[in-house]
C-alpha atoms as a PDB file:
ATOM      1  CA  MET A   1       0.007   0.085  -0.091  1.00  0.00           C
ATOM      2  CA  ARG A   2       1.098   3.415  -0.756  1.00  0.00           C
ATOM      3  CA  ARG A   3       0.231   6.795   0.594  1.00  0.00           C
ATOM      4  CA  ARG A   4      -1.242   9.322  -1.400  1.00  0.00           C
ATOM      5  CA  PRO A   5       0.651  12.451  -1.706  1.00  0.00           C
ATOM      6  CA  ASP A   6      -2.343  14.770  -1.325  1.00  0.00           C
ATOM      7  CA  THR A   7      -4.060  13.215   1.759  1.00  0.00           C
ATOM      8  CA  GLY A   8      -1.588  10.756   3.182  1.00  0.00           C
ATOM      9  CA  LEU A   9      -4.291   8.056   3.104  1.00  0.00           C
ATOM     10  CA  LEU A  10      -3.373   4.520   2.316  1.00  0.00           C
ATOM     11  CA  ARG A  11      -4.604   3.071  -0.828  1.00  0.00           C
ATOM     12  CA  ALA A  12      -3.983  -0.170  -2.763  1.00  0.00           C
ATOM     13  CA  PRO A  13      -1.537  -0.056  -5.716  1.00  0.00           C
ATOM     14  CA  GLY A  14      -3.446   0.035  -9.073  1.00  0.00           C
ATOM     15  CA  ARG A  15      -6.689   1.426  -7.752  1.00  0.00           C
ATOM     16  CA  HIS A  16      -7.708   4.809  -8.729  1.00  0.00           C
ATOM     17  CA  ARG A  17     -10.290   6.314  -6.402  1.00  0.00           C
ATOM     18  CA  LEU A  18     -13.152   7.567  -8.263  1.00  0.00           C
ATOM     19  CA  ASN A  19     -15.006  10.902  -7.299  1.00  0.00           C
ATOM     20  CA  ARG A  20     -16.794  10.209  -4.052  1.00  0.00           C
ATOM     21  CA  GLY A  21     -19.232  13.080  -4.758  1.00  0.00           C
ATOM     22  CA  GLY A  22     -22.600  12.379  -6.272  1.00  0.00           C
ATOM     23  CA  ASP A  23     -25.943  11.463  -5.338  1.00  0.00           C
ATOM     24  CA  ARG A  24     -26.048   9.724  -2.131  1.00  0.00           C
ATOM     25  CA  ALA A  25     -29.535   8.637  -2.484  1.00  0.00           C
ATOM     26  CA  ALA A  26     -28.716   6.913  -5.767  1.00  0.00           C
ATOM     27  CA  ASN A  27     -25.595   5.384  -4.100  1.00  0.00           C
ATOM     28  CA  HIS A  28     -27.720   4.008  -1.413  1.00  0.00           C
ATOM     29  CA  ALA A  29     -30.273   2.535  -3.771  1.00  0.00           C
ATOM     30  CA  LEU A  30     -27.663   0.742  -5.579  1.00  0.00           C
ATOM     31  CA  HIS A  31     -26.287  -0.718  -2.194  1.00  0.00           C
ATOM     32  CA  THR A  32     -29.785  -1.905  -1.291  1.00  0.00           C
ATOM     33  CA  ILE A  33     -30.429  -3.455  -4.604  1.00  0.00           C
ATOM     34  CA  VAL A  34     -27.035  -5.440  -4.515  1.00  0.00           C
ATOM     35  CA  LEU A  35     -27.907  -6.579  -0.859  1.00  0.00           C
ATOM     36  CA  CYS A  36     -31.144  -7.726  -1.939  1.00  0.00           C
ATOM     37  CA  ARG A  37     -29.683  -9.631  -5.075  1.00  0.00           C
ATOM     38  CA  LEU A  38     -27.209 -11.353  -2.785  1.00  0.00           C
ATOM     39  CA  ARG A  39     -29.771 -12.388  -0.558  1.00  0.00           C
ATOM     40  CA  TRP A  40     -32.469 -13.576  -3.135  1.00  0.00           C
ATOM     41  CA  ASP A  41     -30.901 -14.008  -6.560  1.00  0.00           C
ATOM     42  CA  ASP A  42     -29.114 -17.358  -7.212  1.00  0.00           C
ATOM     43  CA  ARG A  43     -27.083 -15.697 -10.059  1.00  0.00           C
ATOM     44  CA  THR A  44     -25.792 -13.020  -7.956  1.00  0.00           C
ATOM     45  CA  ARG A  45     -24.680 -15.609  -5.299  1.00  0.00           C
ATOM     46  CA  THR A  46     -22.973 -17.787  -7.717  1.00  0.00           C
ATOM     47  CA  TYR A  47     -21.179 -14.747  -8.841  1.00  0.00           C
ATOM     48  CA  MET A  48     -20.126 -13.797  -5.380  1.00  0.00           C
ATOM     49  CA  GLN A  49     -18.752 -17.323  -4.673  1.00  0.00           C
ATOM     50  CA  ARG A  50     -16.920 -17.459  -7.890  1.00  0.00           C
ATOM     51  CA  ARG A  51     -15.289 -14.071  -7.342  1.00  0.00           C
ATOM     52  CA  THR A  52     -14.487 -15.121  -3.658  1.00  0.00           C
ATOM     53  CA  GLN A  53     -12.623 -18.279  -4.840  1.00  0.00           C
ATOM     54  CA  GLN A  54     -10.750 -15.981  -7.255  1.00  0.00           C
ATOM     55  CA  GLY A  55      -9.345 -14.042  -4.114  1.00  0.00           C
ATOM     56  CA  LEU A  56     -11.583 -10.901  -4.099  1.00  0.00           C
ATOM     57  CA  SER A  57     -12.699  -9.359  -1.000  1.00  0.00           C
ATOM     58  CA  LYS A  58     -16.299  -8.903  -0.221  1.00  0.00           C
ATOM     59  CA  LYS A  59     -15.804  -5.193  -0.460  1.00  0.00           C
ATOM     60  CA  ASP A  60     -14.392  -5.555  -3.979  1.00  0.00           C
ATOM     61  CA  ILE A  61     -17.022  -7.852  -5.138  1.00  0.00           C
ATOM     62  CA  MET A  62     -19.810  -5.579  -3.906  1.00  0.00           C
ATOM     63  CA  ARG A  63     -17.929  -2.742  -5.890  1.00  0.00           C
ATOM     64  CA  CYS A  64     -18.078  -4.816  -9.088  1.00  0.00           C
ATOM     65  CA  LEU A  65     -21.842  -5.693  -8.484  1.00  0.00           C
ATOM     66  CA  LYS A  66     -22.932  -2.217  -7.878  1.00  0.00           C
ATOM     67  CA  ARG A  67     -21.065  -1.009 -11.216  1.00  0.00           C
ATOM     68  CA  HIS A  68     -23.152  -3.665 -12.849  1.00  0.00           C
ATOM     69  CA  VAL A  69     -26.230  -2.661 -11.473  1.00  0.00           C
ATOM     70  CA  ALA A  70     -25.798   0.932 -12.266  1.00  0.00           C
ATOM     71  CA  ARG A  71     -25.178   0.137 -15.755  1.00  0.00           C
ATOM     72  CA  GLU A  72     -28.475  -1.888 -15.957  1.00  0.00           C
ATOM     73  CA  VAL A  73     -30.484   0.863 -14.394  1.00  0.00           C
ATOM     74  CA  TYR A  74     -28.985   3.520 -16.660  1.00  0.00           C
ATOM     75  CA  ARG A  75     -29.800   1.418 -19.763  1.00  0.00           C
ATOM     76  CA  VAL A  76     -33.398   0.992 -18.571  1.00  0.00           C
ATOM     77  CA  LEU A  77     -33.647   4.715 -17.808  1.00  0.00           C
ATOM     78  CA  MET A  78     -32.302   5.648 -21.293  1.00  0.00           C
ATOM     79  CA  ARG A  79     -34.616   3.257 -22.990  1.00  0.00           C
ATOM     80  CA  SER A  80     -37.464   4.699 -21.286  1.00  0.00           C
ATOM     81  CA  LEU A  81     -36.407   8.329 -22.104  1.00  0.00           C
ATOM     82  CA  ASP A  82     -36.270   7.332 -25.879  1.00  0.00           C
ATOM     83  CA  HIS A  83     -39.779   6.200 -25.750  1.00  0.00           C
ATOM     84  CA  ARG A  84     -41.253   9.606 -24.791  1.00  0.00           C
ATOM     85  CA  THR A  85     -44.673   8.331 -25.371  1.00  0.00           C
ATOM     86  CA  THR A  86     -44.454   5.297 -22.746  1.00  0.00           C
ATOM     87  CA  THR A  87     -46.928   5.253 -19.948  1.00  0.00           C
ATOM     88  CA  ARG A  88     -46.044   5.276 -16.445  1.00  0.00           C
ATOM     89  CA  GLN A  89     -47.030   1.577 -16.213  1.00  0.00           C
ATOM     90  CA  THR A  90     -44.455   0.693 -18.699  1.00  0.00           C
ATOM     91  CA  ILE A  91     -41.704   2.585 -17.056  1.00  0.00           C
ATOM     92  CA  GLN A  92     -42.491   0.864 -13.578  1.00  0.00           C
ATOM     93  CA  SER A  93     -42.194  -2.642 -15.322  1.00  0.00           C
ATOM     94  CA  ASP A  94     -38.800  -1.575 -16.900  1.00  0.00           C
ATOM     95  CA  LEU A  95     -37.422  -0.568 -13.608  1.00  0.00           C
ATOM     96  CA  THR A  96     -38.652  -3.869 -11.923  1.00  0.00           C
ATOM     97  CA  GLU A  97     -36.786  -5.560 -14.624  1.00  0.00           C
ATOM     98  CA  ALA A  98     -33.697  -3.804 -13.849  1.00  0.00           C
ATOM     99  CA  ALA A  99     -33.986  -4.519 -10.091  1.00  0.00           C
END
C-alpha cells in the first residue's frame, strides 16, 4: 500500500479512487439493490462465490456488483427516455426488470 501524496491516506496499488461526490440517495439505492440480490438472486450468489474463490474481498465484489447494477439501471432509464410516449406503467415494469 502506498500513501497518497495529497492526503496521506493509504490506498491499494493500481486502484484509482473515483470521485466520491454524487447522489448519495442513488448510491444508497444501488447498495440496497445489491444486498437484495445477494440474498435472493441465485445468479448473484453464484457470482459472489466465484469471485471469492478468485481471491477478491467482499468489498471488491460489492463494488463490481454495484457497477453492474448501475449500468443496468442506466440502460433502462435511457431506453424509457427514448420512448417519450411510454406510459407510467411501462416505465415501472422496466425498473422492476432492472432490479
